[in-house]
Protein backbone atom coordinates (compact mmCIF):
# COMPACT_ATOMS: atom_id res chain seq x y z
CA UNK A 1 101.29 122.29 120.67
CA UNK A 2 101.66 123.23 124.30
CA UNK A 3 99.45 121.13 126.62
CA UNK A 4 99.51 124.08 129.02
CA UNK A 5 96.27 125.87 127.94
CA UNK A 6 96.92 125.91 124.15
CA UNK A 7 95.51 122.49 123.31
CA UNK A 8 92.43 123.20 125.41
CA UNK A 9 91.87 126.54 123.64
CA UNK A 10 92.04 124.82 120.24
CA UNK A 11 89.66 122.13 121.45
CA UNK A 12 87.07 124.65 122.71
CA UNK A 13 87.03 126.55 119.43
CA UNK A 14 86.72 123.42 117.32
CA UNK A 15 83.95 122.12 119.58
CA UNK A 16 82.05 125.43 119.37
CA UNK A 17 82.33 125.26 115.56
CA UNK A 18 80.95 121.68 115.61
CA UNK A 19 84.24 120.62 114.08
CA UNK A 20 85.91 117.20 113.85
CA UNK A 21 87.82 115.11 116.33
CA UNK A 22 91.36 116.42 116.88
CA UNK A 23 94.63 114.50 116.73
CA UNK A 24 97.53 116.37 118.32
CA UNK A 25 100.54 114.74 116.68
CA UNK A 26 103.26 116.62 118.56
CA UNK A 27 102.55 117.41 122.21
CA UNK A 28 105.18 119.58 123.84
CA UNK A 29 107.02 117.72 126.59
CA UNK A 30 105.56 114.29 125.78
CA UNK A 31 106.43 111.49 123.33
CA UNK A 32 102.75 110.56 123.04
CA UNK A 33 100.05 111.83 120.70
CA UNK A 34 96.73 113.04 122.08
CA UNK A 35 93.15 112.99 120.81
CA UNK A 36 90.12 115.06 121.83
CA UNK A 37 86.62 115.99 120.66
CA UNK A 38 85.81 112.39 119.70
CA UNK A 39 82.32 112.95 121.11
CA UNK A 40 82.09 116.58 119.98
CA UNK A 41 78.66 116.28 118.35
CA UNK A 42 75.66 114.13 119.14
CA UNK A 43 75.68 112.86 115.57
CA UNK A 44 79.29 111.70 115.81
CA UNK A 45 78.70 110.04 119.18
CA UNK A 46 75.70 108.16 117.80
CA UNK A 47 77.79 107.17 114.78
CA UNK A 48 80.51 105.72 117.05
CA UNK A 49 77.94 103.40 118.66
CA UNK A 50 75.81 102.91 115.54
CA UNK A 51 76.15 99.10 115.54
CA UNK A 52 75.26 98.52 119.18
CA UNK A 53 73.07 101.35 120.50
CA UNK A 54 69.75 99.88 119.36
CA UNK A 55 70.76 96.42 120.60
CA UNK A 56 71.61 97.78 124.04
CA UNK A 57 68.31 99.68 124.12
CA UNK A 58 66.48 96.39 123.52
CA UNK A 59 68.26 94.78 126.47
CA UNK A 60 67.31 97.77 128.63
CA UNK A 61 63.70 97.54 127.39
CA UNK A 62 63.59 93.92 128.55
CA UNK A 63 65.04 94.90 131.93
CA UNK A 64 62.33 97.54 132.26
CA UNK A 65 59.60 95.02 131.32
CA UNK A 66 60.52 91.36 130.64
CA UNK A 67 56.99 90.85 129.32
CA UNK A 68 57.97 92.82 126.21
CA UNK A 69 59.68 89.68 124.86
CA UNK A 70 56.38 87.83 124.61
CA UNK A 71 54.58 90.83 123.14
CA UNK A 72 57.09 91.19 120.31
CA UNK A 73 59.57 88.30 120.32
CA UNK A 74 60.94 89.18 116.87
CA UNK A 75 62.19 92.54 118.10
CA UNK A 76 64.14 90.99 120.97
CA UNK A 77 65.72 87.94 119.35
CA UNK A 78 69.12 89.68 119.35
CA UNK A 79 68.96 90.59 123.04
CA UNK A 80 70.46 87.33 124.40
CA UNK A 81 73.40 87.62 122.00
CA UNK A 82 73.95 91.24 123.04
CA UNK A 83 73.88 90.17 126.68
CA UNK A 84 76.63 87.62 125.98
CA UNK A 85 79.04 90.50 125.34
CA UNK A 86 78.34 91.82 128.84
CA UNK A 87 80.57 89.35 130.65
CA UNK A 88 84.18 90.54 131.09
CA UNK A 89 86.72 88.26 129.44
CA UNK A 90 90.08 87.34 130.91
CA UNK A 91 92.81 87.82 128.34
CA UNK A 92 95.64 85.27 128.56
CA UNK A 93 97.71 86.05 125.47
CA UNK A 94 96.59 89.36 123.95
CA UNK A 95 97.78 92.15 126.26
CA UNK A 96 98.51 95.15 124.00
CA UNK A 97 98.68 97.60 126.92
CA UNK A 98 101.85 95.89 128.16
CA UNK A 99 103.85 97.06 125.14
CA UNK A 100 105.79 99.61 127.18
CA UNK A 101 106.23 101.39 130.49
CA UNK A 102 106.45 105.14 131.03
CA UNK A 103 106.17 107.66 133.85
CA UNK A 104 103.59 110.26 134.85
CA UNK A 105 105.74 113.20 133.70
CA UNK A 106 105.90 111.77 130.17
CA UNK A 107 102.11 111.78 129.75
CA UNK A 108 100.57 114.83 128.02
CA UNK A 109 100.24 117.35 130.84
CA UNK A 110 96.90 118.84 129.78
CA UNK A 111 95.95 122.00 131.64
CA UNK A 112 92.63 123.49 130.52
CA UNK A 113 92.11 126.74 132.45
CA UNK A 114 94.53 129.37 133.82
CA UNK A 115 93.80 128.73 137.52
CA UNK A 116 93.94 124.92 137.28
CA UNK A 117 96.21 123.49 139.98
CA UNK A 118 98.14 121.37 137.51
CA UNK A 119 97.62 118.82 134.75
CA UNK A 120 94.59 116.52 134.95
CA UNK A 121 93.27 113.39 133.32
CA UNK A 122 89.82 114.44 132.12
CA UNK A 123 88.60 111.12 130.64
CA UNK A 124 89.85 108.57 133.21
CA UNK A 125 88.27 105.20 133.89
CA UNK A 126 89.03 104.34 137.52
CA UNK A 127 88.51 100.68 138.44
CA UNK A 128 88.34 99.38 142.00
CA UNK A 129 87.16 96.15 143.65
CA UNK A 130 85.86 95.62 147.19
CA UNK A 131 88.30 94.15 149.73
CA UNK A 132 89.12 90.49 149.18
CA UNK A 133 87.43 90.29 145.78
CA UNK A 134 88.84 89.27 142.42
CA UNK A 135 85.40 89.08 140.83
CA UNK A 136 85.18 91.70 138.05
CA UNK A 137 81.38 91.63 138.29
CA UNK A 138 81.79 93.34 141.69
CA UNK A 139 84.01 96.09 140.32
CA UNK A 140 83.24 99.77 140.11
CA UNK A 141 84.35 101.75 137.05
CA UNK A 142 83.96 105.49 137.46
CA UNK A 143 85.16 108.72 135.87
CA UNK A 144 86.79 110.50 138.80
CA UNK A 145 89.18 113.26 137.94
CA UNK A 146 92.87 112.64 138.43
CA UNK A 147 95.44 115.37 139.11
CA UNK A 148 98.81 114.37 137.65
CA UNK A 149 101.00 117.24 138.76
CA UNK A 150 101.09 120.47 140.74
CA UNK A 151 100.22 121.31 144.34
CA UNK A 152 102.15 119.16 146.83
CA UNK A 153 102.13 115.97 144.77
CA UNK A 154 105.51 114.27 144.39
CA UNK A 155 105.89 114.01 140.61
CA UNK A 156 105.83 110.43 139.28
CA UNK A 157 105.08 109.05 142.74
CA UNK A 158 101.73 110.60 143.74
CA UNK A 159 98.56 111.64 141.93
CA UNK A 160 95.32 113.13 143.26
CA UNK A 161 92.05 111.20 143.24
CA UNK A 162 88.94 113.42 143.32
CA UNK A 163 85.54 111.86 143.79
CA UNK A 164 82.25 113.31 144.98
CA UNK A 165 79.08 112.37 146.82
CA UNK A 166 77.16 109.29 145.70
CA UNK A 167 80.10 107.69 143.87
CA UNK A 168 80.65 103.92 143.95
CA UNK A 169 84.35 104.22 144.71
CA UNK A 170 83.47 105.80 148.06
CA UNK A 171 81.78 102.56 149.16
CA UNK A 172 84.95 100.63 148.35
CA UNK A 173 87.13 103.23 150.10
CA UNK A 174 85.04 102.97 153.27
CA UNK A 175 85.32 99.17 153.21
CA UNK A 176 89.11 99.23 152.77
CA UNK A 177 89.49 101.61 155.71
CA UNK A 178 88.16 98.81 157.91
CA UNK A 179 90.72 96.25 156.66
CA UNK A 180 94.50 95.83 156.51
CA UNK A 181 94.32 95.14 152.75
CA UNK A 182 95.88 97.79 150.47
CA UNK A 183 93.35 99.76 148.43
CA UNK A 184 94.45 99.04 144.86
CA UNK A 185 93.13 101.10 141.95
CA UNK A 186 93.70 101.01 138.20
CA UNK A 187 93.21 104.02 135.95
CA UNK A 188 92.53 103.36 132.27
CA UNK A 189 92.85 106.04 129.60
CA UNK A 190 91.63 105.50 126.04
CA UNK A 191 90.67 102.15 124.57
CA UNK A 192 87.26 101.52 123.00
CA UNK A 193 84.92 104.50 123.35
CA UNK A 194 82.37 102.29 125.11
CA UNK A 195 84.76 101.97 128.06
CA UNK A 196 84.84 105.73 128.66
CA UNK A 197 81.07 105.91 128.26
CA UNK A 198 80.58 103.06 130.75
CA UNK A 199 82.61 104.96 133.35
CA UNK A 200 79.98 107.72 133.49
CA UNK A 201 76.90 105.51 133.01
CA UNK A 202 74.70 105.59 136.16
CA UNK A 203 74.51 101.85 136.87
CA UNK A 204 72.49 100.38 139.75
CA UNK A 205 74.60 99.77 142.87
CA UNK A 206 76.16 96.30 142.74
CA UNK A 207 76.11 96.06 138.94
CA UNK A 208 79.47 96.42 137.21
CA UNK A 209 79.95 99.06 134.53
CA UNK A 210 82.11 96.54 132.66
CA UNK A 211 78.97 94.69 131.59
CA UNK A 212 77.65 97.85 129.96
CA UNK A 213 81.06 98.52 128.35
CA UNK A 214 80.95 95.11 126.71
CA UNK A 215 77.42 95.44 125.38
CA UNK A 216 77.88 98.96 124.03
CA UNK A 217 81.28 98.08 122.56
CA UNK A 218 79.97 94.96 120.87
CA UNK A 219 82.73 92.84 122.43
CA UNK A 220 83.55 91.68 125.92
CA UNK A 221 85.71 93.84 128.18
CA UNK A 222 89.16 92.20 128.05
CA UNK A 223 91.27 92.30 131.20
CA UNK A 224 94.11 90.53 132.96
CA UNK A 225 95.81 90.61 136.35
CA UNK A 226 99.32 91.96 136.90
CA UNK A 227 100.86 92.26 140.38
CA UNK A 228 97.36 92.05 141.92
CA UNK A 229 96.08 94.93 139.76
CA UNK A 230 93.40 94.70 137.07
CA UNK A 231 94.62 95.94 133.69
CA UNK A 232 92.38 96.67 130.73
CA UNK A 233 93.96 94.80 127.83
CA UNK A 234 92.57 97.32 125.33
CA UNK A 235 93.30 100.64 127.05
CA UNK A 236 95.88 102.98 125.57
CA UNK A 237 97.33 103.66 129.03
CA UNK A 238 96.93 102.07 132.47
CA UNK A 239 98.16 103.65 135.72
CA UNK A 240 98.22 101.33 138.73
CA UNK A 241 98.66 102.34 142.33
CA UNK A 242 97.62 102.20 145.97
CA UNK A 243 95.14 104.71 147.42
CA UNK A 244 96.55 105.69 150.80
CA UNK A 245 94.11 105.24 153.65
CA UNK A 246 93.32 108.14 155.95
CA UNK A 247 95.68 110.39 154.02
CA UNK A 248 94.84 113.42 151.90
CA UNK A 249 96.51 116.25 150.05
CA UNK A 250 95.16 119.44 148.46
CA UNK A 251 93.62 118.83 145.02
CA UNK A 252 92.52 121.51 142.55
CA UNK A 253 91.51 124.13 141.58
CA UNK A 254 89.99 122.74 138.40
CA UNK A 255 87.75 124.35 135.78
CA UNK A 256 84.63 122.27 136.07
CA UNK A 257 81.38 121.53 134.26
CA UNK A 258 79.27 124.10 136.14
CA UNK A 259 81.26 126.82 134.37
CA UNK A 260 83.28 127.74 137.47
CA UNK A 261 86.38 126.43 139.19
CA UNK A 262 86.06 123.78 141.82
CA UNK A 263 88.39 125.05 144.51
CA UNK A 264 91.27 123.43 146.36
CA UNK A 265 90.19 120.78 148.88
CA UNK A 266 91.82 117.78 150.50
CA UNK A 267 91.24 114.55 148.59
CA UNK A 268 92.73 111.03 148.63
CA UNK A 269 96.20 110.40 147.20
CA UNK A 270 97.19 107.44 145.03
CA UNK A 271 100.77 106.19 145.15
CA UNK A 272 101.77 105.30 141.59
CA UNK A 273 103.14 101.81 140.98
CA UNK A 274 103.43 101.57 137.17
CA UNK A 275 102.28 103.34 134.01
CA UNK A 276 101.67 100.98 131.08
CA UNK A 277 100.93 101.85 127.45
CA UNK A 278 100.19 100.09 124.20
CA UNK A 279 102.12 100.59 120.95
CA UNK A 280 101.48 104.03 119.41
CA UNK A 281 98.97 104.96 122.12
CA UNK A 282 96.62 107.93 122.02
CA UNK A 283 96.09 110.05 125.13
CA UNK A 284 92.32 110.69 125.25
CA UNK A 285 91.26 113.97 126.82
CA UNK A 286 88.44 116.46 126.85
CA UNK A 287 87.97 120.00 128.11
CA UNK A 288 85.45 120.65 130.86
CA UNK A 289 83.63 123.96 131.22
CA UNK A 290 80.28 125.69 131.09
CA UNK A 291 77.87 123.50 129.10
CA UNK A 292 77.48 122.57 126.40
CA UNK A 293 80.83 120.81 126.14
CA UNK A 294 81.97 117.52 124.66
CA UNK A 295 80.62 115.55 127.62
CA UNK A 296 77.12 116.86 126.85
CA UNK A 297 76.91 114.13 124.20
CA UNK A 298 77.34 111.55 126.96
CA UNK A 299 74.40 113.07 128.82
CA UNK A 300 72.28 112.95 125.68
CA UNK A 301 73.00 109.25 125.11
CA UNK A 302 72.49 108.36 128.76
CA UNK A 303 69.03 109.94 128.65
CA UNK A 304 68.26 108.06 125.44
CA UNK A 305 69.22 104.75 127.00
CA UNK A 306 67.70 105.06 130.47
CA UNK A 307 64.47 106.93 129.75
CA UNK A 308 62.61 103.61 129.62
CA UNK A 309 63.92 102.73 133.08
CA UNK A 310 62.71 105.96 134.68
CA UNK A 311 59.20 104.69 135.60
CA UNK A 312 60.78 101.54 137.04
CA UNK A 313 63.35 103.40 139.12
CA UNK A 314 60.92 106.17 140.11
CA UNK A 315 57.30 104.91 140.02
CA UNK A 316 54.91 107.59 138.78
CA UNK A 317 57.68 109.68 137.18
CA UNK A 318 57.14 110.00 133.44
CA UNK A 319 60.28 111.92 132.50
CA UNK A 320 63.24 113.71 134.06
CA UNK A 321 65.90 116.09 132.77
CA UNK A 322 69.02 117.02 134.73
CA UNK A 323 69.51 120.26 132.81
CA UNK A 324 72.88 120.32 131.07
CA UNK A 325 72.72 124.07 130.42
CA UNK A 326 72.50 124.64 134.19
CA UNK A 327 75.46 122.39 135.00
CA UNK A 328 73.34 119.20 135.48
CA UNK A 329 72.89 119.00 139.26
CA UNK A 330 71.73 122.55 140.06
CA UNK A 331 68.44 122.09 138.16
CA UNK A 332 66.24 119.02 137.69
CA UNK A 333 62.97 119.10 135.75
CA UNK A 334 60.45 116.29 136.09
CA UNK A 335 57.01 115.26 134.88
CA UNK A 336 55.17 113.12 137.41
CA UNK A 337 51.62 111.88 137.81
CA UNK A 338 48.68 112.29 140.17
CA UNK A 339 46.81 108.96 140.18
CA UNK A 340 45.55 108.22 143.67
CA UNK A 341 42.84 110.83 144.41
CA UNK A 342 40.91 111.50 141.18
CA UNK A 343 37.82 112.53 143.17
CA UNK A 344 39.56 115.47 144.87
CA UNK A 345 40.40 118.92 143.63
CA UNK A 346 43.69 118.66 141.76
CA UNK A 347 46.74 119.85 143.67
CA UNK A 348 50.26 118.50 144.25
CA UNK A 349 50.00 115.38 146.35
CA UNK A 350 51.51 112.27 144.78
CA UNK A 351 54.12 114.30 142.91
CA UNK A 352 55.47 115.47 146.28
CA UNK A 353 56.16 111.83 147.15
CA UNK A 354 57.78 111.41 143.75
CA UNK A 355 59.89 114.51 144.33
CA UNK A 356 61.14 113.07 147.63
CA UNK A 357 61.99 109.84 145.83
CA UNK A 358 64.02 111.73 143.24
CA UNK A 359 65.86 113.66 145.96
CA UNK A 360 66.53 110.49 147.92
CA UNK A 361 68.14 108.25 145.33
CA UNK A 362 71.42 108.17 143.45
CA UNK A 363 72.52 111.01 141.21
CA UNK A 364 69.15 112.80 141.22
CA UNK A 365 69.57 113.32 144.96
CA UNK A 366 72.17 115.99 144.13
CA UNK A 367 69.55 118.24 142.50
CA UNK A 368 69.31 121.69 144.10
CA UNK A 369 66.20 123.08 142.37
CA UNK A 370 63.56 120.53 141.37
CA UNK A 371 60.62 121.72 139.29
CA UNK A 372 58.02 118.96 138.99
CA UNK A 373 54.70 119.10 137.12
CA UNK A 374 51.89 116.57 136.94
CA UNK A 375 51.10 115.27 133.48
CA UNK A 376 47.61 115.56 132.07
CA UNK A 377 46.79 119.06 130.89
CA UNK A 378 49.27 119.29 128.01
CA UNK A 379 50.04 116.08 126.09
CA UNK A 380 53.10 117.77 124.55
CA UNK A 381 54.63 118.67 127.90
CA UNK A 382 58.19 117.42 128.22
CA UNK A 383 61.21 118.39 130.25
CA UNK A 384 63.47 118.98 127.23
CA UNK A 385 61.43 121.83 125.74
CA UNK A 386 62.48 124.00 128.64
CA UNK A 387 60.80 127.33 127.77
CA UNK A 388 57.51 125.47 127.36
CA UNK A 389 58.05 123.54 130.59
CA UNK A 390 58.71 126.72 132.60
CA UNK A 391 55.65 128.35 131.00
CA UNK A 392 53.52 125.38 132.04
CA UNK A 393 54.79 125.45 135.62
CA UNK A 394 54.57 129.22 136.05
CA UNK A 395 50.98 129.26 134.75
CA UNK A 396 49.94 126.76 137.43
CA UNK A 397 52.16 127.10 140.49
CA UNK A 398 50.72 128.48 143.70
CA UNK A 399 53.60 130.02 145.62
CA UNK A 400 51.53 130.09 148.79
CA UNK A 401 51.45 126.29 148.82
CA UNK A 402 53.86 124.77 146.29
CA UNK A 403 57.33 125.70 147.55
CA UNK A 404 59.03 123.03 149.65
CA UNK A 405 62.49 123.69 151.11
CA UNK A 406 65.16 121.32 152.38
CA UNK A 407 67.62 123.31 154.50
CA UNK A 408 71.05 122.45 155.87
CA UNK A 409 71.47 119.49 153.56
CA UNK A 410 73.98 118.21 151.02
CA UNK A 411 74.37 119.53 147.48
CA UNK A 412 76.78 118.73 144.68
CA UNK A 413 80.47 118.88 145.63
CA UNK A 414 81.16 121.21 142.69
CA UNK A 415 78.40 123.69 143.58
CA UNK A 416 79.72 126.62 145.63
CA UNK A 417 76.44 128.51 145.92
CA UNK A 418 75.67 126.93 149.29
CA UNK A 419 76.69 127.65 152.85
CA UNK A 420 79.77 125.40 152.78
CA UNK A 421 81.53 122.65 150.89
CA UNK A 422 78.93 120.00 149.97
CA UNK A 423 76.46 122.00 152.08
CA UNK A 424 73.44 124.01 151.02
CA UNK A 425 69.72 123.66 150.50
CA UNK A 426 67.16 122.41 148.03
CA UNK A 427 63.82 123.65 146.74
CA UNK A 428 61.00 121.65 145.22
CA UNK A 429 58.57 123.66 143.10
CA UNK A 430 55.52 121.48 142.39
CA UNK A 431 52.47 122.22 140.27
CA UNK A 432 49.28 120.42 139.40
CA UNK A 433 45.89 121.61 138.23
CA UNK A 434 44.39 124.21 135.95
CA UNK A 435 46.12 127.32 134.77
CA UNK A 436 45.93 130.10 137.36
CA UNK A 437 47.30 133.03 135.36
CA UNK A 438 48.12 134.36 131.92
CA UNK A 439 51.82 135.15 131.63
CA UNK A 440 52.81 138.51 130.23
CA UNK A 441 55.89 140.34 128.96
CA UNK A 442 54.46 143.77 129.75
CA UNK A 443 55.24 145.74 132.89
CA UNK A 444 52.52 147.83 134.55
CA UNK A 445 52.46 151.34 133.08
CA UNK A 446 53.53 152.99 136.35
CA UNK A 447 56.07 150.29 137.25
CA UNK A 448 59.15 151.33 139.20
CA UNK A 449 61.75 149.71 141.43
CA UNK A 450 63.98 151.08 144.18
CA UNK A 451 66.82 153.14 142.66
CA UNK A 452 69.46 150.45 143.15
CA UNK A 453 67.57 148.12 140.75
CA UNK A 454 67.62 148.76 137.00
CA UNK A 455 67.32 147.50 133.43
CA UNK A 456 64.31 145.16 133.75
CA UNK A 457 64.31 142.65 130.88
CA UNK A 458 61.92 139.82 130.07
CA UNK A 459 63.54 136.44 129.52
CA UNK A 460 60.24 134.86 128.48
CA UNK A 461 56.67 135.74 129.27
CA UNK A 462 56.30 135.64 133.03
CA UNK A 463 60.06 135.71 133.78
CA UNK A 464 61.65 139.10 134.50
CA UNK A 465 65.33 139.83 135.11
CA UNK A 466 66.47 142.98 136.93
CA UNK A 467 69.98 144.22 137.63
CA UNK A 468 71.23 145.08 141.11
CA UNK A 469 74.56 146.25 142.55
CA UNK A 470 77.29 143.81 143.49
CA UNK A 471 76.15 141.54 146.34
CA UNK A 472 77.49 142.65 149.73
CA UNK A 473 75.86 140.39 152.29
CA UNK A 474 73.14 141.58 154.66
CA UNK A 475 72.98 145.01 153.04
CA UNK A 476 72.08 143.36 149.72
CA UNK A 477 69.53 141.06 151.34
CA UNK A 478 67.84 144.08 152.89
CA UNK A 479 67.61 145.75 149.48
CA UNK A 480 65.74 142.75 148.07
CA UNK A 481 63.27 142.93 150.95
CA UNK A 482 62.84 146.59 150.03
CA UNK A 483 62.22 145.57 146.41
CA UNK A 484 59.64 143.01 147.55
CA UNK A 485 57.81 145.64 149.58
CA UNK A 486 57.68 148.09 146.66
CA UNK A 487 56.49 145.46 144.17
CA UNK A 488 53.60 144.55 146.47
CA UNK A 489 51.73 147.62 145.25
CA UNK A 490 51.56 146.37 141.63
CA UNK A 491 49.47 143.74 139.90
CA UNK A 492 52.23 141.32 138.87
CA UNK A 493 50.04 138.23 138.59
CA UNK A 494 51.32 137.65 135.03
CA UNK A 495 54.99 137.84 136.13
CA UNK A 496 55.38 135.08 138.73
CA UNK A 497 59.21 134.84 138.59
CA UNK A 498 61.70 137.68 139.02
CA UNK A 499 65.47 137.08 138.87
CA UNK A 500 67.79 139.64 140.43
CA UNK A 501 71.12 139.45 138.63
CA UNK A 502 74.38 141.19 137.75
CA UNK A 503 73.54 141.57 134.04
CA UNK A 504 69.93 141.33 132.85
CA UNK A 505 70.91 141.74 129.19
CA UNK A 506 73.02 138.59 129.51
CA UNK A 507 70.17 136.59 131.06
CA UNK A 508 67.64 137.81 128.50
CA UNK A 509 69.83 137.15 125.46
CA UNK A 510 69.47 133.33 125.60
CA UNK A 511 67.27 131.03 127.65
CA UNK A 512 70.38 128.94 128.38
CA UNK A 513 71.99 132.01 130.02
CA UNK A 514 68.97 132.36 132.31
CA UNK A 515 69.20 128.68 133.28
CA UNK A 516 72.93 128.80 133.93
CA UNK A 517 73.21 132.08 135.85
CA UNK A 518 70.01 131.63 137.90
CA UNK A 519 70.43 128.08 139.11
CA UNK A 520 74.21 127.90 139.56
CA UNK A 521 74.33 131.12 141.60
CA UNK A 522 71.40 130.68 143.97
CA UNK A 523 71.13 128.80 147.26
CA UNK A 524 67.37 128.31 147.81
CA UNK A 525 67.26 128.86 151.58
CA UNK A 526 69.30 132.07 151.32
CA UNK A 527 68.49 133.48 147.89
CA UNK A 528 64.75 132.90 147.37
CA UNK A 529 62.45 135.77 148.36
CA UNK A 530 58.84 136.60 147.61
CA UNK A 531 56.46 139.47 147.23
CA UNK A 532 54.02 139.44 150.16
CA UNK A 533 55.90 136.55 151.72
CA UNK A 534 54.78 134.83 154.92
CA UNK A 535 55.69 132.00 157.26
CA UNK A 536 52.87 129.82 158.56
CA UNK A 537 54.22 127.53 161.23
CA UNK A 538 57.31 126.19 159.39
CA UNK A 539 55.99 126.70 155.85
CA UNK A 540 57.24 129.65 153.79
CA UNK A 541 55.33 131.02 150.82
CA UNK A 542 54.35 134.22 149.05
CA UNK A 543 51.22 135.75 147.55
CA UNK A 544 53.10 137.55 144.79
CA UNK A 545 56.03 136.68 142.51
CA UNK A 546 58.92 134.55 143.68
CA UNK A 547 62.25 136.41 143.57
CA UNK A 548 65.59 134.58 143.08
CA UNK A 549 68.78 136.47 143.89
CA UNK A 550 71.13 135.10 141.20
CA UNK A 551 73.96 137.56 141.69
CA UNK A 552 77.52 136.33 142.19
CA UNK A 553 78.32 136.10 145.88
CA UNK A 554 81.71 136.64 147.54
CA UNK A 555 81.98 132.95 148.49
CA UNK A 556 81.26 131.69 144.97
CA UNK A 557 84.01 130.06 142.92
CA UNK A 558 85.45 132.14 140.04
CA UNK A 559 84.06 131.81 136.54
CA UNK A 560 86.10 130.13 133.83
CA UNK A 561 87.83 132.78 131.69
CA UNK A 562 90.45 131.81 129.08
CA UNK A 563 93.94 133.29 129.13
CA UNK A 564 94.12 136.21 126.66
CA UNK A 565 97.76 135.64 125.69
CA UNK A 566 97.04 132.01 124.90
CA UNK A 567 93.99 133.06 122.87
CA UNK A 568 96.16 135.44 120.85
CA UNK A 569 98.67 132.66 120.10
CA UNK A 570 95.91 130.28 119.06
CA UNK A 571 94.24 133.00 116.93
CA UNK A 572 97.02 132.56 114.36
CA UNK A 573 95.96 128.96 113.69
CA UNK A 574 92.45 130.09 112.80
CA UNK A 575 93.38 133.10 110.68
CA UNK A 576 93.81 133.08 106.91
CA UNK A 577 96.63 130.73 106.01
CA UNK A 578 96.55 129.06 109.42
CA UNK A 579 96.28 125.31 109.86
CA UNK A 580 92.72 125.62 111.23
CA UNK A 581 91.52 128.44 108.97
CA UNK A 582 88.45 126.43 107.94
CA UNK A 583 87.14 126.54 111.51
CA UNK A 584 87.93 130.18 112.25
């Protein structure tokens, strides 16, 4: 199979069909076999970690509350033994990854989407240490994408290293820039599944992901040193090299997990020293794109493991959900608590502090839209039943008071809805108190919109989508103000949220489509409007419905669309008599 688009097309179809893991035995242009879709279903991912997941949860429970041991010592007797597997183990004799040496051009050159700038490693484990350290407990292991070929990279000598805001490797990079010491990095591919999972696990700063890899894998992370580089003894491949200081080259485009391309930008370059591999290695890869994808299983397991730590990390927060269907960082849902002023009329107070905490710490700080509700009125309220959560919020929110903007701030590197690269705005929508309205899916009998708006469709009760012409800057903004003015003459109290979009049928067909299109395509400070809006001092609000302009904008990155010719070639595998007929 051709690693240029074909393998990715097969992977996507098998994933969509909830099919098995895939072994590509003959990869065009490479002597190595490749494997994907290992984590293609939640059930399979849980099965992979079936012997250790509960044990790791118990260790995390004790971290959240050490007093649990004395409340139920029988449950936690295994925890110390699980913790023993957390310490990395230096391997003196068993070094399978040193079986052979190869070069970058011999690795499977997986390209997933037509506009990708070259071949990428999509499941890398990048290990770095701070300057002067050989202590593996101080290491950072992260999944930062690696461009193997294309652009201006010198094949076999240079590869691209892409990392984003709030990534541990950035702290090491900053420290190396202040020293004369070379910035060494090791990239592991394959090995035990727990190693890949550890690379994306959000660990507290200063705690090594290798400890988590050992616990979840049920055996200590084995490593050794070679030419001052750390090598994973159990990886299928290891690439070692030096990250050049104060030097960058264009990296990308790359079809990313928001469902769009991340565009070409300058990123650090790693000079390749050696490429090691074990005997009969497997090149592990995945395909990134609009969720859900294979990496969604990682998100599910992370939530399962860290949910008990949420109140400890964010006091007062009961539950959070970085919404996978919206590309993770564009939309964060949270349930908080109002505990401090029980004698006052209920309104958002403490949950605003909790919202600021969420937006000021770690990965949750990348959220663009944060909807937070106070627990209490609905014992079944949770952030994972998203239609119910939005219903709860929209019944209670007061748009005159409960919209809180952060302008000219940072957003996710991969989100191009903002005003520049890494630049945009945030919006907190907070609600607390009794229901203020009954949501409806009926328009007023005499309802009309300006002629440029059409095809109103209800996504759920209280959420209306309406189509508008292609966005053209200030002219389009003026038309939404015109829409707001016309809607002010109607009683729309039961329809608090209106989404202006390119295709209302698409948004209304699935709730996931509404989440994806609305929150990946809107920049709060620029794209949120309101019926009967006002500004009081520096606070903006509205008396009527909130309007979100979720149309594609000229500065947005392109959507991910497969290559038709490649699809036609792959069709034959899934047709009658084809090798993958069962999954067609």
